[in-house]
Protein backbone atom coordinates (compact mmCIF):
# COMPACT_ATOMS: atom_id res chain seq x y z
CA MET A 1 69.22 112.32 123.98
CA ILE A 2 71.43 111.74 127.02
CA CYS A 3 73.43 108.57 127.48
CA HIS A 4 73.43 107.95 131.21
CA GLY A 5 76.69 106.81 132.72
CA ASP A 6 79.32 108.03 135.13
CA ASP A 7 80.94 111.41 134.54
CA ARG A 8 84.31 109.89 133.61
CA HIS A 9 82.69 107.84 130.85
CA ARG A 10 80.83 110.82 129.41
CA GLU A 11 84.03 112.89 129.56
CA ALA A 12 85.89 110.18 127.62
CA ILE A 13 83.20 110.18 124.94
CA PHE A 14 83.14 113.95 124.69
CA THR A 15 86.88 114.43 124.41
CA GLY A 16 86.98 111.67 121.83
CA THR A 17 84.57 113.15 119.34
CA ARG A 18 87.28 114.23 116.91
CA GLU A 19 89.91 111.70 116.08
CA GLN A 20 93.55 111.64 115.17
CA ALA A 21 94.43 109.56 112.12
CA SER A 22 97.97 108.35 111.44
CA PHE A 23 99.01 106.74 108.15
CA ILE A 24 102.49 105.49 107.30
CA ARG A 25 103.23 104.12 103.83
CA LEU A 26 106.47 102.16 103.57
CA GLU A 27 108.85 101.46 100.71
CA THR A 28 108.54 98.19 98.80
CA PRO A 29 109.72 95.27 100.96
CA PRO A 30 112.78 93.21 100.01
CA PRO A 31 112.32 90.16 97.72
CA CYS A 32 112.21 87.72 100.65
CA TYR A 33 108.73 89.02 101.49
CA PRO A 34 106.30 88.05 98.69
CA ALA A 35 103.84 90.73 97.60
CA ASP A 36 100.78 88.80 98.74
CA GLN A 37 101.91 88.37 102.33
CA GLY A 38 101.27 90.68 105.22
CA VAL A 39 103.73 92.81 107.14
CA GLY A 40 106.23 90.66 108.96
CA GLN A 41 104.78 87.42 107.64
CA PRO A 42 107.56 85.34 106.05
CA GLU A 43 106.48 82.27 104.14
CA GLY A 44 105.68 79.35 106.44
CA GLY A 45 105.84 81.39 109.64
CA GLU A 46 103.19 82.87 111.89
CA PRO A 47 102.42 86.58 111.39
CA SER A 48 105.14 88.20 113.47
CA ILE A 49 103.19 91.47 113.56
CA ASP A 50 100.99 89.83 116.20
CA ARG A 51 104.00 88.98 118.36
CA HIS A 52 105.32 92.56 118.32
CA LEU A 53 102.19 94.71 118.63
CA ARG A 54 102.43 94.59 122.40
CA SER A 55 105.87 96.21 122.45
CA ALA A 56 104.83 98.78 119.83
CA ALA A 57 101.78 99.78 121.89
CA ALA A 58 103.66 100.01 125.18
CA PRO A 59 104.84 103.65 124.72
CA ILE A 60 101.25 104.89 124.22
CA PRO A 61 99.80 106.26 127.47
CA HIS A 62 96.06 105.73 127.96
CA ALA A 63 95.78 103.15 125.17
CA PRO A 64 95.19 99.38 125.42
CA VAL A 65 98.39 97.35 125.36
CA SER A 66 96.89 93.89 125.12
CA LEU A 67 96.04 92.49 121.72
CA PRO A 68 92.35 92.29 120.82
CA PRO A 69 90.64 88.90 121.01
CA PRO A 70 89.80 87.14 117.73
CA ALA A 71 86.27 88.56 117.81
CA SER A 72 87.71 92.08 117.63
CA SER A 73 89.88 91.57 114.58
CA ALA A 74 89.17 90.75 110.97
CA SER A 75 91.79 89.27 108.67
CA LEU A 76 91.91 88.78 104.93
CA PRO A 77 94.97 88.20 102.72
CA LEU A 78 95.74 91.85 101.91
CA PHE A 79 94.74 93.61 105.13
CA THR A 80 94.46 92.89 108.84
CA CYS A 81 92.50 95.17 111.13
CA PHE A 82 92.59 95.33 114.90
CA GLY A 83 89.81 96.89 116.95
CA ALA A 84 90.95 98.00 120.39
CA TYR A 85 87.77 100.07 120.34
CA PRO A 86 87.25 102.97 120.17
CA SER A 87 90.55 102.86 118.26
CA SER A 88 91.18 101.05 114.98
CA MET A 89 94.41 99.86 113.42
CA PHE A 90 94.91 98.49 109.90
CA VAL A 91 98.10 96.71 108.83
CA SER A 92 98.98 95.63 105.29
CA ARG A 93 102.18 94.78 103.47
CA ARG A 94 103.22 98.42 103.07
CA ARG A 95 100.79 100.44 105.17
CA TRP A 96 100.04 101.13 108.80
CA ILE A 97 96.90 103.09 109.68
CA LEU A 98 95.80 104.06 113.18
CA LYS A 99 92.69 106.01 114.19
CA THR A 100 92.32 106.93 117.83
CA CYS A 101 90.14 109.23 119.88
CA GLY A 102 89.66 110.42 123.43
CA THR A 103 92.85 111.43 125.22
CA THR A 104 95.12 108.85 123.64
CA THR A 105 98.52 109.99 122.37
CA PRO A 106 98.99 108.08 119.10
CA LEU A 107 102.08 109.95 117.92
CA ARG A 108 104.05 108.52 120.82
CA CYS A 109 103.93 105.08 119.22
CA VAL A 110 105.39 106.18 115.86
CA ARG A 111 108.99 105.46 116.84
CA ALA A 112 108.07 101.91 117.92
CA VAL A 113 106.07 101.29 114.74
CA LEU A 114 108.96 102.43 112.53
CA ALA A 115 111.32 100.11 114.41
CA LEU A 116 108.84 97.25 114.06
CA ALA A 117 108.52 97.80 110.31
CA ARG A 118 112.30 97.94 109.91
CA ASP A 119 113.29 95.04 112.14
CA THR A 120 110.38 92.67 111.46
CA ALA A 121 109.40 93.32 107.85
CA GLY A 122 112.60 94.75 106.40
CA HIS A 123 111.20 98.18 105.53
CA ALA A 124 114.19 100.50 105.74
CA ARG A 125 112.49 103.62 104.36
CA VAL A 126 109.23 105.49 104.80
CA HIS A 127 107.55 106.37 101.52
CA ASN A 128 105.07 108.80 103.04
CA VAL A 129 103.29 109.87 106.19
CA PHE A 130 99.88 111.41 106.74
CA TYR A 131 98.74 112.63 110.14
CA SER A 132 95.42 114.45 110.16
CA ARG A 133 92.62 115.54 112.46
CA ARG A 134 89.87 118.10 112.84
CA GLU A 135 90.02 120.87 115.39
CA PHE A 136 89.30 119.31 118.79
CA ALA A 137 86.10 120.36 120.55
CA ARG A 138 88.14 120.67 123.78
CA PRO A 139 91.85 120.92 122.91
CA HIS A 140 92.78 121.79 126.51
CA ALA A 141 91.58 118.31 127.57
CA GLN A 142 94.13 116.59 125.32
CA LEU A 143 97.46 115.33 126.56
CA THR A 144 100.80 116.59 125.25
CA PRO A 145 101.62 116.75 122.35
CA HIS A 146 98.00 116.69 121.16
CA ASP A 147 96.94 119.83 123.03
CA ASN A 148 98.07 121.93 120.05
CA PHE A 149 99.10 121.31 116.46
CA ASP A 150 102.48 123.02 116.80
CA SER A 151 103.53 120.45 119.41
CA GLU A 152 102.34 117.61 117.20
CA VAL A 153 104.37 118.97 114.29
CA GLU A 154 107.45 119.35 116.50
CA LEU A 155 107.25 115.69 117.54
CA LEU A 156 106.66 114.49 113.98
CA ASP A 157 109.62 116.54 112.76
CA SER A 158 111.79 114.65 115.24
CA PHE A 159 110.89 111.40 113.42
CA PHE A 160 110.85 112.56 109.80
CA CYS A 161 113.01 114.87 107.72
CA ASP A 162 111.42 117.49 105.53
CA GLY A 163 107.84 117.18 106.80
CA ARG A 164 105.16 119.75 105.94
CA ALA A 165 102.24 120.99 108.03
CA TYR A 166 99.01 122.42 106.59
CA ILE A 167 95.81 123.89 108.04
CA MET A 168 92.67 123.97 105.90
CA GLY A 169 89.23 125.45 106.44
CA PRO A 170 87.71 127.98 108.87
CA GLU A 171 88.79 128.01 112.51
CA LYS A 172 85.81 126.10 113.94
CA ASP A 173 85.96 123.35 111.34
CA CYS A 174 89.62 123.46 110.37
CA TRP A 175 91.45 120.32 109.37
CA TYR A 176 95.12 119.75 110.20
CA LEU A 177 97.50 117.75 108.03
CA TYR A 178 101.13 116.71 108.36
CA THR A 179 102.79 114.93 105.45
CA LEU A 180 106.13 114.43 103.76
CA LEU A 181 104.66 115.68 100.48
CA PRO A 182 105.59 119.20 99.36
CA LEU A 183 103.10 121.39 97.57
CA GLU A 184 104.39 121.63 94.01
CA GLY A 185 104.97 124.76 91.96
CA THR A 186 103.76 125.27 88.41
CA VAL A 187 100.98 123.39 86.67
CA ALA A 188 103.42 122.25 83.98
CA ALA A 189 105.75 120.80 86.59
CA LEU A 190 102.81 119.05 88.26
CA GLU A 191 101.60 117.49 85.03
CA LYS A 192 105.11 116.24 84.26
CA GLU A 193 105.53 114.80 87.77
CA HIS A 194 102.14 113.07 87.63
CA ARG A 195 102.88 111.53 84.22
CA GLU A 196 106.19 110.22 85.53
CA ALA A 197 104.53 108.87 88.68
CA SER A 198 101.96 107.01 86.57
CA GLU A 199 104.67 105.52 84.34
CA VAL A 200 106.74 104.38 87.31
CA SER A 201 103.69 102.89 89.01
CA ALA A 202 102.66 101.03 85.86
CA GLY A 203 106.06 99.38 85.63
CA CYS A 204 106.52 98.55 89.31
CA ALA A 205 104.73 95.64 90.94
CA GLY A 206 105.52 97.04 94.38
CA CYS A 207 103.92 100.43 93.66
CA GLU A 208 100.25 100.67 94.48
CA PRO A 209 97.54 103.15 93.48
CA ASP A 210 96.18 104.90 96.54
CA GLN A 211 93.03 106.84 97.34
CA THR A 212 91.21 107.61 100.58
CA ILE A 213 87.94 109.34 101.39
CA GLU A 214 87.12 110.67 104.84
CA ILE A 215 83.78 112.18 105.92
CA LEU A 216 83.75 113.85 109.36
CA MET A 217 80.18 114.62 110.43
CA SER A 218 78.74 116.84 113.19
CA ASP A 219 75.28 117.90 114.42
CA LEU A 220 73.72 114.58 113.54
CA ASP A 221 70.05 113.58 113.48
CA PRO A 222 69.07 112.56 117.05
CA ALA A 223 66.78 109.80 115.77
CA VAL A 224 69.69 108.22 113.90
CA MET A 225 72.05 108.66 116.84
CA ASN A 226 69.56 106.89 119.12
CA ILE A 227 70.24 103.68 117.17
CA PHE A 228 73.75 103.65 118.65
CA THR A 229 72.61 103.35 122.27
CA ARG A 230 72.11 100.25 124.38
CA ALA A 231 68.62 101.52 125.22
CA HIS A 232 67.62 101.14 121.56
CA SER A 233 69.85 98.41 120.09
CA ALA A 234 70.40 95.02 121.67
CA SER A 235 73.68 94.46 119.82
CA ALA A 236 76.21 96.05 117.51
CA HIS A 237 74.89 93.85 114.69
CA HIS A 238 71.41 95.28 115.23
CA ALA A 239 72.74 98.86 115.04
CA THR A 240 74.77 98.06 111.92
CA LYS A 241 71.73 96.65 110.12
CA GLU A 242 69.16 99.25 111.19
CA SER A 243 71.40 102.19 110.31
CA GLY A 244 72.32 100.78 106.90
CA ILE A 245 76.06 100.77 107.62
CA ASP A 246 76.32 97.30 106.07
CA LYS A 247 75.06 98.72 102.75
CA ILE A 248 77.49 101.65 102.45
CA ILE A 249 80.17 99.49 100.81
CA PRO A 250 78.77 96.01 100.07
CA GLY A 251 80.99 92.97 100.48
CA MET A 252 82.83 94.09 103.62
CA VAL A 253 83.60 91.64 106.42
CA ILE A 254 82.43 93.73 109.38
CA ASP A 255 83.59 93.68 112.98
CA ASP A 256 81.42 96.05 115.05
CA TYR A 257 81.13 97.11 118.66
CA LEU A 258 78.33 98.87 120.59
CA PHE A 259 79.40 100.63 123.78
CA ASP A 260 77.47 100.81 127.04
CA PRO A 261 75.57 103.08 127.45
CA CYS A 262 76.17 104.52 123.97
CA GLY A 263 78.70 104.79 121.16
CA TYR A 264 79.67 102.60 118.24
CA SER A 265 82.74 101.59 116.23
CA MET A 266 83.25 99.28 113.28
CA ASN A 267 85.99 98.02 111.00
CA GLY A 268 85.38 96.41 107.63
CA VAL A 269 87.76 94.72 105.21
CA ALA A 270 87.20 93.27 101.76
CA LYS A 271 88.99 90.57 99.80
CA ASP A 272 90.52 93.12 97.44
CA GLY A 273 92.32 94.89 100.30
CA CYS A 274 89.80 97.70 100.79
CA TYR A 275 88.83 98.81 104.27
CA MET A 276 86.31 101.08 105.89
CA THR A 277 86.04 102.28 109.46
CA ILE A 278 83.31 104.21 111.29
CA HIS A 279 83.34 105.70 114.79
CA ILE A 280 80.24 107.26 116.37
CA THR A 281 79.66 109.49 119.40
CA PRO A 282 75.85 109.80 119.57
CA GLU A 283 75.32 112.26 122.45
CA ARG A 284 73.35 115.29 121.29
CA SER A 285 75.70 117.83 122.89
CA CYS A 286 78.69 116.49 120.96
CA SER A 287 77.37 114.13 118.27
CA TYR A 288 80.05 113.11 115.82
CA VAL A 289 80.56 110.40 113.19
CA SER A 290 83.68 109.66 111.17
CA PHE A 291 83.80 107.52 108.05
CA GLU A 292 86.94 106.51 106.16
CA SER A 293 87.63 104.11 103.29
CA ASN A 294 90.11 103.39 100.52
CA VAL A 295 87.51 101.80 98.22
CA PRO A 296 88.86 102.20 94.63
CA VAL A 297 85.92 103.83 92.84
CA SER A 298 86.16 106.34 89.99
CA SER A 299 83.44 108.51 91.56
CA TYR A 300 82.51 108.88 95.21
CA ASP A 301 78.97 110.09 94.49
CA GLU A 302 77.23 106.88 95.60
CA VAL A 303 79.43 106.33 98.65
CA VAL A 304 78.91 109.90 99.87
CA ALA A 305 75.15 109.66 99.27
CA ARG A 306 74.90 106.43 101.28
CA VAL A 307 76.92 107.84 104.17
CA LEU A 308 74.86 111.03 104.35
CA HIS A 309 71.59 109.09 104.05
CA ALA A 310 72.64 106.79 106.90
CA PHE A 311 73.66 109.52 109.37
CA ARG A 312 71.96 112.78 108.25
CA PRO A 313 74.52 115.25 109.63
CA GLY A 314 73.96 118.98 109.98
CA ARG A 315 77.41 119.64 108.56
CA PHE A 316 80.45 117.66 107.52
CA VAL A 317 84.05 117.90 106.36
CA LEU A 318 84.97 115.87 103.28
CA THR A 319 88.55 115.05 102.33
CA VAL A 320 89.79 112.94 99.40
CA PHE A 321 93.37 111.89 98.64
CA ALA A 322 94.28 110.17 95.37
CA THR A 323 97.40 109.27 93.40
CA PRO A 324 97.37 109.88 89.62
CA ASP A 325 97.13 106.13 88.88
CA ALA A 326 94.20 105.49 91.26
CA ALA A 327 90.70 104.71 90.02
CA GLY A 328 89.48 107.87 91.71
CA SER A 329 92.32 110.10 90.52
CA ALA A 330 89.84 112.64 89.12
CA ALA A 331 87.67 112.69 92.27
CA PRO A 332 89.46 115.58 94.03
CA ARG A 333 89.01 117.82 90.99
CA GLN A 334 85.39 116.72 90.47
CA LEU A 335 84.42 117.39 94.08
CA LYS A 336 86.06 120.81 93.97
CA SER A 337 83.44 121.97 91.48
CA PHE A 338 80.42 120.83 93.53
CA SER A 339 78.77 123.90 95.08
CA SER A 340 76.16 121.55 96.54
CA LEU A 341 76.15 117.85 97.34
CA CYS A 342 73.19 115.64 98.31
CA GLY A 343 71.21 118.55 99.76
CA TYR A 344 74.20 120.23 101.39
CA GLU A 345 75.77 123.58 100.51
CA GLN A 346 79.52 123.88 100.08
CA LYS A 347 80.76 126.49 102.57
CA GLU A 348 84.49 126.11 101.99
CA ALA A 349 86.66 124.21 99.53
CA GLN A 350 90.39 123.85 98.98
CA TYR A 351 92.21 121.82 96.39
CA CYS A 352 95.92 121.00 96.59
CA ARG A 353 98.32 119.09 94.37
CA PHE A 354 101.18 117.50 96.20
CA SER A 355 104.02 115.46 94.80
CA GLY A 356 102.26 112.26 93.77
CA TYR A 357 98.89 113.05 95.38
CA GLU A 358 95.91 115.32 94.91
CA LEU A 359 93.85 116.48 97.90
CA HIS A 360 90.38 117.94 98.16
CA TYR A 361 89.03 119.49 101.36
CA ALA A 362 85.49 120.81 101.63
CA LEU A 363 83.08 121.88 104.36
CA TYR A 364 79.36 121.36 103.75
CA ALA A 365 76.29 122.43 105.73
CA LYS A 366 72.68 121.37 105.29
CA PHE A 367 70.50 123.73 103.25
CA PRO A 368 67.92 125.54 105.41
CA SER A 369 64.60 123.68 105.31
């Protein structure tokens, strides 16, 4: 399958097949901001996050500065998402999540976002940071600092004290991570720290369980990828329905977008504060799909099965983060033991226990037919 368009458009799609994801979790806001209100949304006032996004986005070269129209955002009490497609941004009371692709430079907006959180919402401290991405298909096409991981780490270290950088998996499918969480030492120390974290979380209304699953898929079924072209689908809604995306996590309010001539992005939010986001590059030479969600399930078996059934990748990277008090706290350990999953063979697996989080990374490839 070839999506016909000008060379610049195809180049943008190709360089954007593997995204950067930035996640900042902030400390509990001061008492003047009730727990059920969004970031920068004092009682009786308009959401000030909307008024300041323009200034926060200004330092980002090659990224939209204007706010998305109402049709490209979905808002529910616990989460607001903005779709400046093919990028997605989610904002809640204590979290800021940004997924970008192409040759955007998302780390250059971190300073502005931290200032916005401090000055608008009263967040004086950062609780944690996660920046992650797969190895780029064409790293030389990226702009500084995203042309190599060392440069990204250097910039992040200028914002945060005591950050850690990790590389997981084989070279072709490696996954990069930067976080403020140290890898802990002994098992006994880990168990003690996790018990204490659970006790603190149980007694603190401002502390929230946290878990995130990400599935990064390559070598996808051409018949499935054809759905995400204008030649096949008349609208984004049509592509969402035919592919089964709307059934992956039922109950989501979905905002979707179908590019011309090909490509697809969607954001979904639920009333309980869950989100999911999917970005698709359907061209056969560089087909790629990313899925991410914080849905609080105890087991990811059904979610993973639905995602793989919808897209039928040749191989995929699976990562799961979870805090000890999350519904899916056991998921990283469970997935570590799976030598096969939904017809795919586990090629690589790594399991890490950080301070307050567990992480599972795995690479899967389809069994030979």
